[in-house]
Amino acid sequence: MQNEEMNNIKIQIQKVMDLVNQKKNKREHKFLDTLLDRLQKLLETVNDIDDINDLRKYSNLRGALRAYFDTNLIESYDEPLVIELDKLEIMLQQRTN
Protein backbone atom coordinates (compact mmCIF):
# COMPACT_ATOMS: atom_id res chain seq x y z
CA MET A 1 0.00 0.00 0.00
CA GLN A 2 2.78 2.44 0.85
CA ASN A 3 4.45 1.88 -2.53
CA GLU A 4 1.21 2.71 -4.31
CA GLU A 5 0.75 5.85 -2.21
CA MET A 6 4.35 6.92 -2.83
CA ASN A 7 3.89 6.39 -6.58
CA ASN A 8 0.71 8.47 -6.53
CA ILE A 9 2.54 11.25 -4.71
CA LYS A 10 5.40 11.11 -7.24
CA ILE A 11 2.93 11.34 -10.11
CA GLN A 12 1.18 14.30 -8.48
CA ILE A 13 4.47 16.11 -7.83
CA GLN A 14 5.43 15.67 -11.48
CA LYS A 15 2.01 16.91 -12.60
CA VAL A 16 2.38 20.06 -10.49
CA MET A 17 5.95 20.57 -11.74
CA ASP A 18 4.69 20.40 -15.33
CA LEU A 19 2.01 22.98 -14.58
CA VAL A 20 4.53 25.28 -12.89
CA ASN A 21 6.79 25.04 -15.95
CA GLN A 22 3.83 25.89 -18.20
CA LYS A 23 3.10 28.90 -16.02
CA LYS A 24 6.77 29.94 -16.16
CA ASN A 25 6.61 29.88 -19.95
CA LYS A 26 3.84 32.46 -19.78
CA ARG A 27 5.29 34.59 -17.01
CA GLU A 28 8.47 34.66 -14.96
CA HIS A 29 8.14 35.10 -11.22
CA LYS A 30 10.45 34.30 -8.31
CA PHE A 31 7.66 32.37 -6.57
CA LEU A 32 7.50 29.90 -9.46
CA ASP A 33 11.25 29.33 -9.24
CA THR A 34 11.01 28.73 -5.50
CA LEU A 35 8.02 26.40 -5.89
CA LEU A 36 9.80 24.43 -8.59
CA ASP A 37 12.88 24.07 -6.37
CA ARG A 38 10.75 22.84 -3.48
CA LEU A 39 8.91 20.38 -5.68
CA GLN A 40 12.20 19.02 -7.02
CA LYS A 41 13.53 18.57 -3.47
CA LEU A 42 10.31 16.87 -2.44
CA LEU A 43 10.52 14.51 -5.41
CA GLU A 44 14.10 13.64 -4.46
CA THR A 45 13.00 13.03 -0.88
CA VAL A 46 10.16 10.76 -1.99
CA ASN A 47 12.64 8.80 -4.10
CA ASP A 48 15.10 8.50 -1.20
CA ILE A 49 12.81 7.39 1.63
CA ASP A 50 10.85 4.22 2.21
CA ASP A 51 8.50 5.32 4.99
CA ILE A 52 5.69 7.54 3.84
CA ASN A 53 5.38 9.00 7.34
CA ASP A 54 8.82 10.58 6.95
CA LEU A 55 7.34 12.95 4.38
CA ARG A 56 5.97 15.09 7.21
CA LYS A 57 9.51 15.85 8.32
CA TYR A 58 10.82 16.61 4.85
CA SER A 59 7.88 18.19 3.08
CA ASN A 60 8.52 21.90 2.69
CA LEU A 61 5.44 22.38 0.57
CA ARG A 62 2.92 23.17 3.28
CA GLY A 63 1.34 26.55 2.58
CA ALA A 64 2.42 26.68 -1.06
CA LEU A 65 -1.12 27.12 -2.31
CA ARG A 66 -1.75 29.94 0.12
CA ALA A 67 1.49 31.59 -0.98
CA TYR A 68 0.43 31.22 -4.61
CA PHE A 69 -2.81 33.04 -3.82
CA ASP A 70 -0.74 35.86 -2.33
CA THR A 71 1.06 36.42 -5.65
CA ASN A 72 -0.42 38.21 -8.61
CA LEU A 73 0.01 35.08 -10.75
CA ILE A 74 -3.30 33.40 -10.09
CA GLU A 75 -5.81 33.62 -12.91
CA SER A 76 -8.75 31.90 -11.25
CA TYR A 77 -9.62 29.49 -8.49
CA ASP A 78 -10.26 26.74 -11.02
CA GLU A 79 -6.99 26.98 -12.93
CA PRO A 80 -5.19 23.63 -13.17
CA LEU A 81 -2.19 24.68 -11.04
CA VAL A 82 -4.47 25.65 -8.15
CA ILE A 83 -6.39 22.39 -8.36
CA GLU A 84 -3.36 20.12 -8.67
CA LEU A 85 -1.30 21.93 -6.02
CA ASP A 86 -4.23 21.64 -3.64
CA LYS A 87 -4.49 17.91 -4.38
CA LEU A 88 -0.78 17.48 -3.67
CA GLU A 89 -0.95 19.31 -0.34
CA ILE A 90 -3.94 17.21 0.68
CA MET A 91 -2.20 14.00 -0.34
CA LEU A 92 0.84 14.91 1.74
CA GLN A 93 -1.27 15.76 4.77
CA GLN A 94 -3.40 12.61 4.51
CA ARG A 95 -0.44 10.34 3.91
CA THR A 96 1.59 11.68 6.80
CA ASN A 97 -0.99 12.00 9.56
C-alpha atoms as a PDB file:
ATOM      1  CA  MET A   1       0.000   0.000   0.000  1.00  0.00           C
ATOM      2  CA  GLN A   2       2.784   2.437   0.852  1.00  0.00           C
ATOM      3  CA  ASN A   3       4.447   1.878  -2.528  1.00  0.00           C
ATOM      4  CA  GLU A   4       1.212   2.712  -4.312  1.00  0.00           C
ATOM      5  CA  GLU A   5       0.751   5.850  -2.214  1.00  0.00           C
ATOM      6  CA  MET A   6       4.347   6.916  -2.825  1.00  0.00           C
ATOM      7  CA  ASN A   7       3.891   6.390  -6.576  1.00  0.00           C
ATOM      8  CA  ASN A   8       0.708   8.465  -6.532  1.00  0.00           C
ATOM      9  CA  ILE A   9       2.537  11.255  -4.715  1.00  0.00           C
ATOM     10  CA  LYS A  10       5.400  11.113  -7.237  1.00  0.00           C
ATOM     11  CA  ILE A  11       2.929  11.339 -10.105  1.00  0.00           C
ATOM     12  CA  GLN A  12       1.183  14.295  -8.479  1.00  0.00           C
ATOM     13  CA  ILE A  13       4.469  16.105  -7.832  1.00  0.00           C
ATOM     14  CA  GLN A  14       5.430  15.670 -11.481  1.00  0.00           C
ATOM     15  CA  LYS A  15       2.006  16.909 -12.598  1.00  0.00           C
ATOM     16  CA  VAL A  16       2.382  20.059 -10.485  1.00  0.00           C
ATOM     17  CA  MET A  17       5.947  20.573 -11.742  1.00  0.00           C
ATOM     18  CA  ASP A  18       4.693  20.398 -15.331  1.00  0.00           C
ATOM     19  CA  LEU A  19       2.013  22.985 -14.582  1.00  0.00           C
ATOM     20  CA  VAL A  20       4.529  25.281 -12.890  1.00  0.00           C
ATOM     21  CA  ASN A  21       6.786  25.037 -15.948  1.00  0.00           C
ATOM     22  CA  GLN A  22       3.832  25.887 -18.199  1.00  0.00           C
ATOM     23  CA  LYS A  23       3.105  28.902 -16.019  1.00  0.00           C
ATOM     24  CA  LYS A  24       6.769  29.944 -16.155  1.00  0.00           C
ATOM     25  CA  ASN A  25       6.613  29.878 -19.954  1.00  0.00           C
ATOM     26  CA  LYS A  26       3.836  32.459 -19.780  1.00  0.00           C
ATOM     27  CA  ARG A  27       5.287  34.588 -17.010  1.00  0.00           C
ATOM     28  CA  GLU A  28       8.474  34.662 -14.956  1.00  0.00           C
ATOM     29  CA  HIS A  29       8.139  35.098 -11.216  1.00  0.00           C
ATOM     30  CA  LYS A  30      10.446  34.304  -8.308  1.00  0.00           C
ATOM     31  CA  PHE A  31       7.659  32.374  -6.571  1.00  0.00           C
ATOM     32  CA  LEU A  32       7.499  29.895  -9.465  1.00  0.00           C
ATOM     33  CA  ASP A  33      11.253  29.329  -9.238  1.00  0.00           C
ATOM     34  CA  THR A  34      11.006  28.729  -5.497  1.00  0.00           C
ATOM     35  CA  LEU A  35       8.020  26.405  -5.888  1.00  0.00           C
ATOM     36  CA  LEU A  36       9.800  24.427  -8.592  1.00  0.00           C
ATOM     37  CA  ASP A  37      12.881  24.074  -6.366  1.00  0.00           C
ATOM     38  CA  ARG A  38      10.748  22.836  -3.475  1.00  0.00           C
ATOM     39  CA  LEU A  39       8.905  20.380  -5.685  1.00  0.00           C
ATOM     40  CA  GLN A  40      12.198  19.023  -7.017  1.00  0.00           C
ATOM     41  CA  LYS A  41      13.535  18.574  -3.474  1.00  0.00           C
ATOM     42  CA  LEU A  42      10.307  16.873  -2.442  1.00  0.00           C
ATOM     43  CA  LEU A  43      10.517  14.515  -5.409  1.00  0.00           C
ATOM     44  CA  GLU A  44      14.100  13.641  -4.464  1.00  0.00           C
ATOM     45  CA  THR A  45      13.003  13.031  -0.883  1.00  0.00           C
ATOM     46  CA  VAL A  46      10.158  10.762  -1.991  1.00  0.00           C
ATOM     47  CA  ASN A  47      12.638   8.800  -4.105  1.00  0.00           C
ATOM     48  CA  ASP A  48      15.098   8.495  -1.203  1.00  0.00           C
ATOM     49  CA  ILE A  49      12.808   7.391   1.632  1.00  0.00           C
ATOM     50  CA  ASP A  50      10.852   4.222   2.210  1.00  0.00           C
ATOM     51  CA  ASP A  51       8.504   5.316   4.986  1.00  0.00           C
ATOM     52  CA  ILE A  52       5.686   7.541   3.836  1.00  0.00           C
ATOM     53  CA  ASN A  53       5.378   8.997   7.337  1.00  0.00           C
ATOM     54  CA  ASP A  54       8.816  10.576   6.946  1.00  0.00           C
ATOM     55  CA  LEU A  55       7.338  12.949   4.384  1.00  0.00           C
ATOM     56  CA  ARG A  56       5.966  15.088   7.213  1.00  0.00           C
ATOM     57  CA  LYS A  57       9.507  15.850   8.319  1.00  0.00           C
ATOM     58  CA  TYR A  58      10.815  16.608   4.850  1.00  0.00           C
ATOM     59  CA  SER A  59       7.876  18.187   3.075  1.00  0.00           C
ATOM     60  CA  ASN A  60       8.518  21.899   2.687  1.00  0.00           C
ATOM     61  CA  LEU A  61       5.441  22.376   0.573  1.00  0.00           C
ATOM     62  CA  ARG A  62       2.920  23.174   3.284  1.00  0.00           C
ATOM     63  CA  GLY A  63       1.337  26.553   2.585  1.00  0.00           C
ATOM     64  CA  ALA A  64       2.424  26.682  -1.058  1.00  0.00           C
ATOM     65  CA  LEU A  65      -1.124  27.115  -2.315  1.00  0.00           C
ATOM     66  CA  ARG A  66      -1.749  29.945   0.117  1.00  0.00           C
ATOM     67  CA  ALA A  67       1.493  31.593  -0.984  1.00  0.00           C
ATOM     68  CA  TYR A  68       0.426  31.222  -4.606  1.00  0.00           C
ATOM     69  CA  PHE A  69      -2.809  33.038  -3.820  1.00  0.00           C
ATOM     70  CA  ASP A  70      -0.736  35.862  -2.327  1.00  0.00           C
ATOM     71  CA  THR A  71       1.056  36.416  -5.645  1.00  0.00           C
ATOM     72  CA  ASN A  72      -0.416  38.205  -8.610  1.00  0.00           C
ATOM     73  CA  LEU A  73       0.006  35.081 -10.753  1.00  0.00           C
ATOM     74  CA  ILE A  74      -3.300  33.401 -10.090  1.00  0.00           C
ATOM     75  CA  GLU A  75      -5.806  33.617 -12.906  1.00  0.00           C
ATOM     76  CA  SER A  76      -8.754  31.895 -11.250  1.00  0.00           C
ATOM     77  CA  TYR A  77      -9.623  29.486  -8.493  1.00  0.00           C
ATOM     78  CA  ASP A  78     -10.265  26.744 -11.016  1.00  0.00           C
ATOM     79  CA  GLU A  79      -6.985  26.977 -12.930  1.00  0.00           C
ATOM     80  CA  PRO A  80      -5.187  23.627 -13.175  1.00  0.00           C
ATOM     81  CA  LEU A  81      -2.190  24.682 -11.041  1.00  0.00           C
ATOM     82  CA  VAL A  82      -4.466  25.652  -8.151  1.00  0.00           C
ATOM     83  CA  ILE A  83      -6.395  22.387  -8.360  1.00  0.00           C
ATOM     84  CA  GLU A  84      -3.359  20.117  -8.669  1.00  0.00           C
ATOM     85  CA  LEU A  85      -1.295  21.928  -6.024  1.00  0.00           C
ATOM     86  CA  ASP A  86      -4.235  21.642  -3.636  1.00  0.00           C
ATOM     87  CA  LYS A  87      -4.485  17.906  -4.379  1.00  0.00           C
ATOM     88  CA  LEU A  88      -0.777  17.483  -3.666  1.00  0.00           C
ATOM     89  CA  GLU A  89      -0.947  19.314  -0.344  1.00  0.00           C
ATOM     90  CA  ILE A  90      -3.943  17.215   0.683  1.00  0.00           C
ATOM     91  CA  MET A  91      -2.198  14.004  -0.339  1.00  0.00           C
ATOM     92  CA  LEU A  92       0.839  14.913   1.739  1.00  0.00           C
ATOM     93  CA  GLN A  93      -1.268  15.764   4.772  1.00  0.00           C
ATOM     94  CA  GLN A  94      -3.398  12.611   4.511  1.00  0.00           C
ATOM     95  CA  ARG A  95      -0.443  10.344   3.914  1.00  0.00           C
ATOM     96  CA  THR A  96       1.591  11.681   6.799  1.00  0.00           C
ATOM     97  CA  ASN A  97      -0.991  11.996   9.556  1.00  0.00           C
END
